[in-house]
Amino acid sequence: MKKIIILTLSILLNNIFAFASPFSFSFDETTGEATLLSAEKSLSKAVVIPDSVENGGKYYAVSKIAKQAFAKCGKMETVKLPSKLKIIGPTAFAECSKLKSIVIPNGVDVIPHHCFFFCASLESVELPSSLKSIEHDAFIACRSLQTIYIPKSVRHIGSWAFGENLALKSVDFESGNNKLSIGDHAFDRSGLETLVIPSFVDSLGEYVFNGCGSLKSAIVETDLDTLPKMTFHGCEDMTELSLNGAMNAIAYGAFSDCKKLSRITLPNMLKEIGVNAFDGCKNLTTINLQNLPSLQAIGEAAFSGCEKLERVILPNGIKKIEDGTFMSCHSLIEIIGANVESEAEFSFYDCPKLKTKKFAK
């Protein structure tokens, strides 16, 4: 049986004053645990949540923080969480505009959705070794967060989990993980500067690093069937990229508008380059397609707008050049494809320097 007691007002009982508490709790007599239901919005800068609270002569371990319990506590800068905390509710600390740092205690296995939504001053987060999942939008728009360390226990990072974190320069993954999935837009428009996606990442969503305008280099170590749609779209400062894991396909727009990308290492067994995959990569000077013996398809506009691309040698598996594949490649001088049998009408539209095409036909 649960009892709920509100501890927010001073009361006079038997001529003894009970001092006001800024928190309200519910109590579970069966488990001996307490849930923090809500907190006063006028909390001070430094907040300490007790490890246990007394009710009716019995002490209850504080094991849960309810949904929205601290939402919009505008003065709170730091908060010490209970040592036996197990569960944090969705939006529990959402829009705590001055919250600067937090340590999540060991025992918590989920950071729920929107938990720290728009905590614009949050600079430091320490995640526990018990953590298994960071749910969607958990840290979205935490625009002062600079680094994040992902423990090896984490199995899932949800969509937009760290999206719009403009100051987030690095994300580090603890080695020893067995399986980690990363959802759509998880780091969309964050401030990442360098990135290594480790081999244990078994799933990437779409737009994961979309618009990371400060990202300068990336290494993908993991095996993926397909590098998803728009994975690195709009990473305008990225100059080099290595796809070191096995991969069958690069999906639509994966590197589109990576304007400074000049060097890229592609997987040897790549079979397909998707539509608009490298569209707008203005500084791409070379692309070693001839070293990809399994490549069979290059999508429409895949290299459109690669203004500095000069020479292309296609592997034997390419028999057709699709519409706009090399459109507006202003520096393209020569293209060779020993087995190319056909090209679309606008395959080489706006390629004024193209003089040599060596095809089977």
Protein backbone atom coordinates (compact mmCIF):
# COMPACT_ATOMS: atom_id res chain seq x y z
CA MET A 1 0.00 0.00 0.00
CA LYS A 2 1.30 3.45 -0.90
CA LYS A 3 0.85 6.60 1.12
CA ILE A 4 1.42 10.10 -0.19
CA ILE A 5 2.56 12.85 2.09
CA ILE A 6 3.23 16.42 1.06
CA LEU A 7 6.14 17.98 2.93
CA THR A 8 6.03 21.51 1.56
CA LEU A 9 4.44 23.47 4.41
CA SER A 10 5.34 23.98 8.06
CA ILE A 11 2.74 22.49 10.37
CA LEU A 12 2.02 22.80 14.07
CA LEU A 13 1.44 19.44 15.70
CA ASN A 14 1.43 18.84 19.51
CA ASN A 15 3.20 22.20 19.91
CA ILE A 16 6.16 21.02 17.78
CA PHE A 17 7.06 22.68 14.47
CA ALA A 18 8.01 20.50 11.47
CA PHE A 19 10.31 22.47 9.20
CA ALA A 20 9.28 23.05 5.61
CA SER A 21 10.72 20.79 2.93
CA PRO A 22 11.07 21.92 -0.70
CA PHE A 23 10.14 18.42 -1.88
CA SER A 24 7.02 16.28 -1.85
CA PHE A 25 7.22 12.49 -1.67
CA SER A 26 5.13 9.37 -1.97
CA PHE A 27 5.99 6.27 0.04
CA ASP A 28 5.73 2.57 -0.80
CA GLU A 29 5.42 0.58 2.42
CA THR A 30 5.96 -2.71 0.60
CA THR A 31 9.34 -1.85 -0.89
CA GLY A 32 10.39 0.72 1.67
CA GLU A 33 11.13 3.19 -1.12
CA ALA A 34 10.11 6.79 -1.71
CA THR A 35 9.39 8.73 -4.90
CA LEU A 36 10.20 12.42 -5.13
CA LEU A 37 7.07 13.83 -6.75
CA SER A 38 7.84 17.53 -7.10
CA ALA A 39 10.11 20.33 -5.99
CA GLU A 40 9.53 24.00 -5.39
CA LYS A 41 10.44 26.12 -8.39
CA SER A 42 12.29 28.55 -6.13
CA LEU A 43 14.98 26.04 -5.13
CA SER A 44 18.38 27.49 -4.27
CA LYS A 45 21.50 27.24 -6.45
CA ALA A 46 22.87 24.10 -4.77
CA VAL A 47 20.28 21.37 -4.21
CA VAL A 48 20.77 18.14 -2.26
CA ILE A 49 18.13 15.43 -2.48
CA PRO A 50 18.29 13.27 0.65
CA ASP A 51 19.19 9.59 0.35
CA SER A 52 16.25 8.71 2.57
CA VAL A 53 13.24 10.42 4.12
CA GLU A 54 11.28 9.68 7.29
CA ASN A 55 7.56 9.02 7.33
CA GLY A 56 5.64 7.74 10.36
CA GLY A 57 8.80 6.77 12.17
CA LYS A 58 10.12 4.75 9.23
CA TYR A 59 12.87 5.72 6.79
CA TYR A 60 12.35 5.23 3.04
CA ALA A 61 15.18 5.18 0.47
CA VAL A 62 14.59 7.76 -2.28
CA SER A 63 14.72 5.57 -5.39
CA LYS A 64 12.67 7.48 -7.95
CA ILE A 65 12.26 11.00 -9.27
CA ALA A 66 8.88 11.51 -10.90
CA LYS A 67 8.04 13.04 -14.26
CA GLN A 68 8.62 16.83 -14.37
CA ALA A 69 9.69 16.88 -10.71
CA PHE A 70 12.31 19.61 -11.22
CA ALA A 71 11.14 21.03 -14.55
CA LYS A 72 11.71 24.78 -14.85
CA CYS A 73 13.52 25.14 -11.53
CA GLY A 74 15.13 28.32 -12.76
CA LYS A 75 17.64 29.02 -9.95
CA MET A 76 19.12 25.54 -9.46
CA GLU A 77 22.75 25.25 -10.64
CA THR A 78 23.79 21.91 -9.12
CA VAL A 79 21.86 18.96 -7.74
CA LYS A 80 23.13 15.98 -5.76
CA LEU A 81 21.00 12.94 -6.53
CA PRO A 82 20.23 10.16 -4.00
CA SER A 83 22.79 7.36 -3.89
CA LYS A 84 20.10 4.66 -4.23
CA LEU A 85 18.26 6.31 -7.13
CA LYS A 86 16.98 3.84 -9.72
CA ILE A 87 14.48 5.72 -11.89
CA ILE A 88 14.32 9.25 -13.28
CA GLY A 89 11.05 10.24 -14.94
CA PRO A 90 10.66 11.92 -18.35
CA THR A 91 11.23 15.70 -18.40
CA ALA A 92 12.36 15.49 -14.77
CA PHE A 93 14.91 18.31 -15.21
CA ALA A 94 13.60 19.88 -18.41
CA GLU A 95 14.21 23.60 -18.86
CA CYS A 96 16.32 24.01 -15.74
CA SER A 97 17.97 26.95 -17.41
CA LYS A 98 20.82 27.47 -14.91
CA LEU A 99 21.69 23.83 -14.14
CA LYS A 100 25.44 23.50 -14.78
CA SER A 101 26.42 19.97 -13.76
CA ILE A 102 24.97 16.66 -12.67
CA VAL A 103 26.27 13.20 -11.71
CA ILE A 104 23.85 10.33 -12.37
CA PRO A 105 24.38 7.68 -9.66
CA ASN A 106 25.08 4.03 -10.35
CA GLY A 107 21.80 2.10 -10.41
CA VAL A 108 20.02 4.30 -12.96
CA ASP A 109 19.67 2.35 -16.23
CA VAL A 110 17.66 4.78 -18.38
CA ILE A 111 17.89 8.50 -19.08
CA PRO A 112 14.30 9.04 -20.26
CA HIS A 113 13.05 11.23 -23.06
CA HIS A 114 13.39 15.01 -22.63
CA CYS A 115 14.95 14.46 -19.19
CA PHE A 116 17.35 17.39 -19.59
CA PHE A 117 15.61 19.11 -22.49
CA PHE A 118 16.85 22.68 -23.00
CA CYS A 119 19.10 22.80 -19.95
CA ALA A 120 20.98 25.56 -21.74
CA SER A 121 23.68 26.03 -19.06
CA LEU A 122 24.47 22.34 -18.54
CA GLU A 123 28.23 21.92 -19.00
CA SER A 124 29.02 18.59 -17.34
CA VAL A 125 27.20 15.25 -17.17
CA GLU A 126 28.60 12.07 -15.63
CA LEU A 127 26.79 8.91 -16.72
CA PRO A 128 26.88 5.71 -14.61
CA SER A 129 28.21 2.27 -15.51
CA SER A 130 24.69 0.89 -14.99
CA LEU A 131 23.21 2.94 -17.84
CA LYS A 132 21.67 0.99 -20.74
CA SER A 133 19.66 3.55 -22.69
CA ILE A 134 19.66 7.27 -23.43
CA GLU A 135 16.20 7.89 -24.85
CA HIS A 136 15.08 10.30 -27.53
CA ASP A 137 15.60 14.03 -26.90
CA ALA A 138 17.18 13.27 -23.50
CA PHE A 139 19.80 16.05 -23.78
CA ILE A 140 18.47 18.00 -26.75
CA ALA A 141 19.40 21.70 -26.84
CA CYS A 142 21.86 21.46 -23.93
CA ARG A 143 23.85 24.18 -25.64
CA SER A 144 26.70 24.44 -23.11
CA LEU A 145 27.53 20.72 -22.88
CA GLN A 146 31.10 20.32 -24.19
CA THR A 147 31.93 16.62 -23.89
CA ILE A 148 30.07 13.38 -23.20
CA TYR A 149 31.47 9.99 -22.23
CA ILE A 150 29.28 7.02 -23.16
CA PRO A 151 29.82 4.02 -20.81
CA LYS A 152 30.24 0.57 -22.35
CA SER A 153 26.97 -0.53 -20.72
CA VAL A 154 24.89 1.71 -23.02
CA ARG A 155 23.00 -0.22 -25.71
CA HIS A 156 20.95 2.56 -27.29
CA ILE A 157 21.17 6.29 -27.94
CA GLY A 158 17.79 7.58 -29.10
CA SER A 159 16.84 10.06 -31.80
CA TRP A 160 17.86 13.66 -31.14
CA ALA A 161 19.40 12.54 -27.82
CA PHE A 162 22.23 15.09 -28.16
CA GLY A 163 20.80 17.15 -31.02
CA GLU A 164 21.41 20.90 -31.15
CA ASN A 165 24.21 20.73 -28.57
CA LEU A 166 26.17 23.54 -30.16
CA ALA A 167 29.13 23.39 -27.75
CA LEU A 168 29.52 19.60 -27.81
CA LYS A 169 33.03 19.14 -29.21
CA SER A 170 33.57 15.45 -28.57
CA VAL A 171 31.76 12.22 -27.79
CA ASP A 172 33.85 9.36 -26.43
CA PHE A 173 32.69 5.76 -26.35
CA GLU A 174 34.12 3.48 -23.67
CA SER A 175 35.77 0.42 -25.19
CA GLY A 176 34.45 -3.04 -24.40
CA ASN A 177 30.87 -2.46 -25.51
CA ASN A 178 29.22 -5.34 -27.36
CA LYS A 179 26.35 -3.63 -29.12
CA LEU A 180 25.22 -0.03 -29.51
CA SER A 181 22.55 1.49 -31.73
CA ILE A 182 22.38 5.22 -32.46
CA GLY A 183 19.06 6.70 -33.59
CA ASP A 184 18.05 9.28 -36.20
CA HIS A 185 19.43 12.81 -35.71
CA ALA A 186 21.16 11.71 -32.46
CA PHE A 187 23.91 14.35 -32.83
CA ASP A 188 22.20 16.56 -35.40
CA ARG A 189 23.62 20.09 -35.44
CA SER A 190 25.99 19.50 -32.57
CA GLY A 191 29.42 21.12 -32.30
CA LEU A 192 31.48 17.94 -32.79
CA GLU A 193 34.98 18.57 -34.14
CA THR A 194 36.36 15.03 -34.43
CA LEU A 195 34.58 11.70 -34.41
CA VAL A 196 35.37 7.99 -34.23
CA ILE A 197 32.44 5.59 -34.61
CA PRO A 198 33.74 2.38 -32.98
CA SER A 199 33.32 -1.14 -34.30
CA PHE A 200 30.63 -2.10 -31.76
CA VAL A 201 28.12 0.40 -33.17
CA ASP A 202 25.85 -2.00 -35.04
CA SER A 203 23.18 0.45 -36.17
CA LEU A 204 23.10 4.09 -37.26
CA GLY A 205 19.95 6.07 -37.96
CA GLU A 206 19.43 8.70 -40.62
CA TYR A 207 20.78 12.27 -40.31
CA VAL A 208 22.86 11.21 -37.26
CA PHE A 209 25.54 13.89 -37.77
CA ASN A 210 23.56 16.16 -40.07
CA GLY A 211 24.63 19.80 -39.96
CA CYS A 212 27.65 19.28 -37.67
CA GLY A 213 29.30 22.33 -39.17
CA SER A 214 32.45 22.16 -37.00
CA LEU A 215 33.24 18.50 -37.70
CA LYS A 216 36.67 18.32 -39.33
CA SER A 217 37.33 14.59 -39.56
CA ALA A 218 35.50 11.33 -39.01
CA ILE A 219 36.46 7.66 -38.88
CA VAL A 220 33.84 4.93 -39.18
CA GLU A 221 35.27 1.67 -37.85
CA THR A 222 32.08 -0.36 -37.73
CA ASP A 223 30.59 -2.77 -40.27
CA LEU A 224 27.29 -1.54 -41.71
CA ASP A 225 25.17 -2.88 -44.52
CA THR A 226 24.37 0.71 -45.51
CA LEU A 227 25.66 4.08 -44.39
CA PRO A 228 22.25 5.73 -43.85
CA LYS A 229 20.58 8.63 -45.57
CA MET A 230 22.13 12.06 -44.96
CA THR A 231 24.51 10.74 -42.27
CA PHE A 232 27.04 13.57 -42.67
CA HIS A 233 25.00 16.00 -44.73
CA GLY A 234 26.07 19.60 -44.30
CA CYS A 235 29.27 18.91 -42.35
CA GLU A 236 30.81 21.87 -44.10
CA ASP A 237 34.21 21.88 -42.35
CA MET A 238 34.94 18.17 -42.70
CA THR A 239 38.08 17.68 -44.79
CA GLU A 240 38.70 13.95 -44.45
CA LEU A 241 36.75 10.80 -43.82
CA SER A 242 37.66 7.13 -43.53
CA LEU A 243 35.10 4.35 -43.90
CA ASN A 244 37.17 1.49 -42.51
CA GLY A 245 34.45 -1.08 -41.80
CA ALA A 246 32.73 -3.36 -44.28
CA MET A 247 29.86 -1.68 -46.11
CA ASN A 248 27.63 -2.55 -49.06
CA ALA A 249 26.06 0.80 -49.81
CA ILE A 250 26.17 4.54 -49.19
CA ALA A 251 22.64 5.92 -49.05
CA TYR A 252 21.05 9.11 -50.36
CA GLY A 253 22.93 12.31 -49.62
CA ALA A 254 25.22 10.74 -47.03
CA PHE A 255 27.99 13.29 -47.66
CA SER A 256 26.09 15.96 -49.57
CA ASP A 257 27.21 19.55 -49.00
CA CYS A 258 30.42 18.53 -47.24
CA LYS A 259 32.01 21.47 -48.99
CA LYS A 260 35.58 21.03 -47.72
CA LEU A 261 35.79 17.26 -48.03
CA SER A 262 38.95 16.55 -50.01
CA ARG A 263 39.96 13.05 -48.92
CA ILE A 264 37.84 9.97 -48.40
CA THR A 265 38.61 6.28 -47.93
CA LEU A 266 35.84 4.01 -49.21
CA PRO A 267 35.23 0.37 -48.21
CA ASN A 268 36.80 -2.09 -50.66
CA MET A 269 33.65 -4.17 -51.06
CA LEU A 270 31.25 -1.26 -51.59
CA LYS A 271 28.53 -2.19 -54.09
CA GLU A 272 26.45 0.98 -54.42
CA ILE A 273 26.84 4.74 -54.13
CA GLY A 274 23.42 6.32 -53.69
CA VAL A 275 21.66 9.32 -55.21
CA ASN A 276 23.27 12.67 -54.29
CA ALA A 277 25.79 10.85 -52.08
CA PHE A 278 28.58 13.39 -52.68
CA ASP A 279 26.51 16.19 -54.16
CA GLY A 280 28.09 19.57 -53.45
CA CYS A 281 31.46 18.26 -52.25
CA LYS A 282 33.24 21.18 -53.89
CA ASN A 283 36.77 20.32 -52.74
CA LEU A 284 36.78 16.64 -53.63
CA THR A 285 39.69 16.37 -56.07
CA THR A 286 40.03 12.58 -56.36
CA ILE A 287 37.81 9.58 -55.80
CA ASN A 288 39.38 6.13 -56.15
CA LEU A 289 36.46 4.24 -57.59
CA GLN A 290 38.72 1.98 -59.64
CA ASN A 291 39.76 0.26 -56.40
CA LEU A 292 36.21 -0.89 -55.72
CA PRO A 293 35.83 -4.18 -57.62
CA SER A 294 32.31 -4.83 -56.29
CA LEU A 295 30.84 -1.43 -57.20
CA GLN A 296 27.86 -1.92 -59.51
CA ALA A 297 25.78 1.25 -59.25
CA ILE A 298 26.29 4.99 -58.87
CA GLY A 299 23.09 6.96 -58.33
CA GLU A 300 21.79 10.11 -59.99
CA ALA A 301 23.70 13.29 -59.10
CA ALA A 302 26.02 11.25 -56.88
CA PHE A 303 28.95 13.55 -57.67
CA SER A 304 27.04 16.59 -58.86
CA GLY A 305 28.75 19.86 -57.98
CA CYS A 306 32.14 18.27 -57.24
CA GLU A 307 33.78 21.26 -58.83
CA LYS A 308 37.42 20.20 -58.35
CA LEU A 309 37.10 16.58 -59.43
CA GLU A 310 39.45 16.17 -62.39
CA ARG A 311 39.72 12.51 -63.35
CA VAL A 312 37.53 9.48 -62.70
CA ILE A 313 38.23 5.82 -63.47
CA LEU A 314 35.16 3.64 -63.06
CA PRO A 315 35.43 -0.02 -62.03
CA ASN A 316 34.34 -2.77 -64.39
CA GLY A 317 31.00 -3.25 -62.65
CA ILE A 318 29.65 0.15 -63.77
CA LYS A 319 27.77 -0.23 -67.03
CA LYS A 320 25.56 2.85 -66.94
CA ILE A 321 26.04 6.46 -65.87
CA GLU A 322 22.83 7.89 -64.46
CA ASP A 323 21.27 11.30 -64.97
CA GLY A 324 23.34 14.12 -63.49
CA THR A 325 25.90 11.80 -61.92
CA PHE A 326 28.77 14.18 -62.73
CA MET A 327 26.76 17.33 -63.41
CA SER A 328 28.58 20.63 -62.77
CA CYS A 329 31.94 18.96 -62.24
CA HIS A 330 33.64 22.05 -63.66
CA SER A 331 37.19 20.68 -63.51
CA LEU A 332 36.46 17.21 -64.86
CA ILE A 333 38.86 16.52 -67.72
CA GLU A 334 38.75 12.77 -68.18
CA ILE A 335 36.50 9.83 -67.32
CA ILE A 336 37.21 6.20 -68.12
CA GLY A 337 34.81 3.29 -67.83
CA ALA A 338 35.88 0.12 -69.62
CA ASN A 339 32.43 -1.50 -69.35
CA VAL A 340 30.18 1.59 -69.53
CA GLU A 341 27.53 0.93 -72.18
CA SER A 342 25.26 3.94 -71.75
CA GLU A 343 24.95 7.37 -70.21
CA ALA A 344 21.92 9.52 -69.47
CA GLU A 345 21.23 12.80 -71.25
CA PHE A 346 22.49 15.01 -68.42
CA SER A 347 25.16 12.75 -66.95
CA PHE A 348 27.86 15.33 -67.71
CA TYR A 349 25.80 18.50 -67.96
CA ASP A 350 27.82 21.65 -67.23
CA CYS A 351 31.22 19.95 -67.42
CA PRO A 352 32.98 22.49 -69.67
CA LYS A 353 36.50 20.97 -69.48
CA LEU A 354 35.55 17.36 -70.18
CA LYS A 355 37.56 16.28 -73.21
CA THR A 356 38.06 12.57 -72.81
CA LYS A 357 35.41 9.85 -72.29
CA LYS A 358 36.63 6.31 -72.76
CA PHE A 359 33.67 3.92 -72.65
CA ALA A 360 32.93 0.47 -74.03
CA LYS A 361 30.41 1.94 -76.47
